[in-house]
N, C-alpha and C. Protein backbone atom coordinates (compact mmCIF):
# COMPACT_ATOMS: atom_id res chain seq x y z
N UNK A 1 -9.66 -58.86 11.42
CA UNK A 1 -8.29 -58.35 11.42
C UNK A 1 -7.61 -58.84 12.68
N UNK A 2 -6.43 -59.38 12.55
CA UNK A 2 -5.69 -59.88 13.70
C UNK A 2 -4.69 -58.83 14.16
N UNK A 3 -4.10 -59.08 15.32
CA UNK A 3 -3.09 -58.15 15.84
C UNK A 3 -1.89 -58.04 14.91
N UNK A 4 -1.60 -59.08 14.14
CA UNK A 4 -0.48 -59.06 13.20
C UNK A 4 -0.73 -58.00 12.12
N UNK A 5 -2.00 -57.80 11.73
CA UNK A 5 -2.35 -56.86 10.67
C UNK A 5 -2.52 -55.42 11.15
N UNK A 6 -2.45 -55.19 12.44
CA UNK A 6 -2.74 -53.88 13.01
C UNK A 6 -1.45 -53.10 13.27
N UNK A 7 -1.43 -51.86 12.82
CA UNK A 7 -0.27 -51.00 13.06
C UNK A 7 -0.34 -50.41 14.46
N UNK A 8 0.81 -50.16 15.06
CA UNK A 8 0.82 -49.44 16.34
C UNK A 8 0.24 -48.04 16.15
N UNK A 9 -0.34 -47.49 17.17
CA UNK A 9 -0.99 -46.18 17.10
C UNK A 9 -0.09 -45.10 16.53
N UNK A 10 1.18 -45.08 16.91
CA UNK A 10 2.08 -44.03 16.44
C UNK A 10 2.40 -44.14 14.95
N UNK A 11 2.14 -45.29 14.30
CA UNK A 11 2.38 -45.46 12.87
C UNK A 11 1.11 -45.25 12.03
N UNK A 12 -0.01 -45.09 12.67
CA UNK A 12 -1.26 -44.93 11.94
C UNK A 12 -1.40 -43.50 11.41
N UNK A 13 -2.18 -43.35 10.34
CA UNK A 13 -2.40 -42.04 9.72
C UNK A 13 -3.90 -41.83 9.57
N UNK A 14 -4.37 -40.62 9.89
CA UNK A 14 -5.80 -40.30 9.75
C UNK A 14 -6.19 -40.36 8.28
N UNK A 15 -7.37 -40.85 8.04
CA UNK A 15 -7.91 -40.94 6.69
C UNK A 15 -9.03 -39.92 6.54
N UNK A 16 -8.93 -39.06 5.55
CA UNK A 16 -9.97 -38.07 5.30
C UNK A 16 -11.08 -38.72 4.48
N UNK A 17 -12.30 -38.68 5.00
CA UNK A 17 -13.45 -39.27 4.31
C UNK A 17 -14.22 -38.17 3.60
N UNK A 18 -14.46 -38.36 2.30
CA UNK A 18 -15.22 -37.41 1.50
C UNK A 18 -16.52 -38.08 1.07
N UNK A 19 -17.55 -37.28 0.88
CA UNK A 19 -18.81 -37.80 0.39
C UNK A 19 -19.44 -36.78 -0.55
N UNK A 20 -20.35 -37.24 -1.37
CA UNK A 20 -21.00 -36.35 -2.32
C UNK A 20 -22.26 -35.77 -1.69
N UNK A 21 -22.35 -34.45 -1.67
CA UNK A 21 -23.49 -33.76 -1.09
C UNK A 21 -24.00 -32.72 -2.09
N UNK A 22 -25.24 -32.84 -2.49
CA UNK A 22 -25.86 -31.85 -3.37
C UNK A 22 -25.03 -31.58 -4.62
N UNK A 23 -24.47 -32.64 -5.23
CA UNK A 23 -23.77 -32.49 -6.50
C UNK A 23 -22.30 -32.16 -6.42
N UNK A 24 -21.73 -32.05 -5.25
CA UNK A 24 -20.29 -31.80 -5.14
C UNK A 24 -19.71 -32.61 -3.99
N UNK A 25 -18.41 -32.86 -4.01
CA UNK A 25 -17.75 -33.64 -2.98
C UNK A 25 -17.25 -32.73 -1.86
N UNK A 26 -17.34 -33.25 -0.64
CA UNK A 26 -16.97 -32.45 0.53
C UNK A 26 -16.47 -33.37 1.63
N UNK A 27 -15.43 -32.97 2.39
CA UNK A 27 -14.95 -33.82 3.48
C UNK A 27 -15.97 -33.87 4.63
N UNK A 28 -16.16 -35.05 5.17
CA UNK A 28 -17.10 -35.24 6.27
C UNK A 28 -16.66 -34.45 7.50
N UNK A 29 -15.36 -34.23 7.67
CA UNK A 29 -14.86 -33.48 8.83
C UNK A 29 -15.37 -32.04 8.86
N UNK A 30 -15.84 -31.52 7.72
CA UNK A 30 -16.37 -30.15 7.67
C UNK A 30 -17.88 -30.09 7.89
N UNK A 31 -18.52 -31.23 8.07
CA UNK A 31 -19.97 -31.26 8.32
C UNK A 31 -20.27 -30.73 9.72
N UNK A 32 -21.48 -30.18 9.88
CA UNK A 32 -21.91 -29.79 11.21
C UNK A 32 -22.37 -31.05 11.96
N UNK A 33 -22.69 -30.93 13.23
CA UNK A 33 -23.04 -32.08 14.08
C UNK A 33 -24.22 -32.87 13.50
N UNK A 34 -25.24 -32.19 13.05
CA UNK A 34 -26.43 -32.87 12.51
C UNK A 34 -26.13 -33.64 11.25
N UNK A 35 -25.36 -33.06 10.35
CA UNK A 35 -25.01 -33.72 9.09
C UNK A 35 -24.09 -34.91 9.34
N UNK A 36 -23.18 -34.81 10.32
CA UNK A 36 -22.32 -35.96 10.66
C UNK A 36 -23.16 -37.12 11.18
N UNK A 37 -24.13 -36.81 12.01
CA UNK A 37 -25.02 -37.84 12.54
C UNK A 37 -25.79 -38.51 11.40
N UNK A 38 -26.29 -37.72 10.48
CA UNK A 38 -27.01 -38.24 9.32
C UNK A 38 -26.09 -39.12 8.47
N UNK A 39 -24.84 -38.72 8.29
CA UNK A 39 -23.88 -39.49 7.50
C UNK A 39 -23.63 -40.86 8.14
N UNK A 40 -23.52 -40.92 9.46
CA UNK A 40 -23.30 -42.20 10.15
C UNK A 40 -24.47 -43.16 9.98
N UNK A 41 -25.68 -42.63 9.81
CA UNK A 41 -26.88 -43.46 9.69
C UNK A 41 -27.14 -43.94 8.26
N UNK A 42 -26.38 -43.45 7.29
CA UNK A 42 -26.60 -43.82 5.89
C UNK A 42 -26.34 -45.30 5.65
N UNK A 43 -27.09 -45.86 4.72
CA UNK A 43 -26.85 -47.22 4.27
C UNK A 43 -26.07 -47.15 2.97
N UNK A 44 -25.00 -47.90 2.88
CA UNK A 44 -24.13 -47.84 1.71
C UNK A 44 -24.49 -48.92 0.71
N UNK A 45 -24.49 -48.55 -0.56
CA UNK A 45 -24.83 -49.43 -1.66
C UNK A 45 -23.63 -50.27 -2.07
N UNK A 46 -23.86 -51.57 -2.28
CA UNK A 46 -22.85 -52.42 -2.89
C UNK A 46 -23.52 -53.22 -3.99
N UNK A 47 -22.81 -53.41 -5.09
CA UNK A 47 -23.39 -54.15 -6.22
C UNK A 47 -23.71 -55.59 -5.83
N UNK A 48 -22.85 -56.20 -5.05
CA UNK A 48 -23.07 -57.58 -4.65
C UNK A 48 -24.38 -57.72 -3.86
N UNK A 49 -24.60 -56.86 -2.92
CA UNK A 49 -25.84 -56.92 -2.12
C UNK A 49 -27.05 -56.67 -3.01
N UNK A 50 -26.93 -55.78 -3.96
CA UNK A 50 -28.04 -55.48 -4.86
C UNK A 50 -28.38 -56.70 -5.73
N UNK A 51 -27.37 -57.40 -6.20
CA UNK A 51 -27.60 -58.60 -7.02
C UNK A 51 -28.26 -59.70 -6.21
N UNK A 52 -27.90 -59.82 -4.94
CA UNK A 52 -28.45 -60.89 -4.09
C UNK A 52 -29.92 -60.65 -3.76
N UNK A 53 -30.35 -59.40 -3.72
CA UNK A 53 -31.73 -59.09 -3.35
C UNK A 53 -32.67 -59.08 -4.54
N UNK A 54 -32.15 -59.07 -5.76
CA UNK A 54 -32.99 -59.00 -6.97
C UNK A 54 -33.55 -60.34 -7.34
């Protein structure tokens, strides 16, 4: 991303991140410290990566 593509700080908007936990969706901002740490360590699945490893 170049500086041309970056918005000034005052024009940026926070993005709420949700994830699925135990069968229901929940915002990451409501996680406790331990669960947030665990969420940061997760590996995310992509179909492209899965096809390349098969």
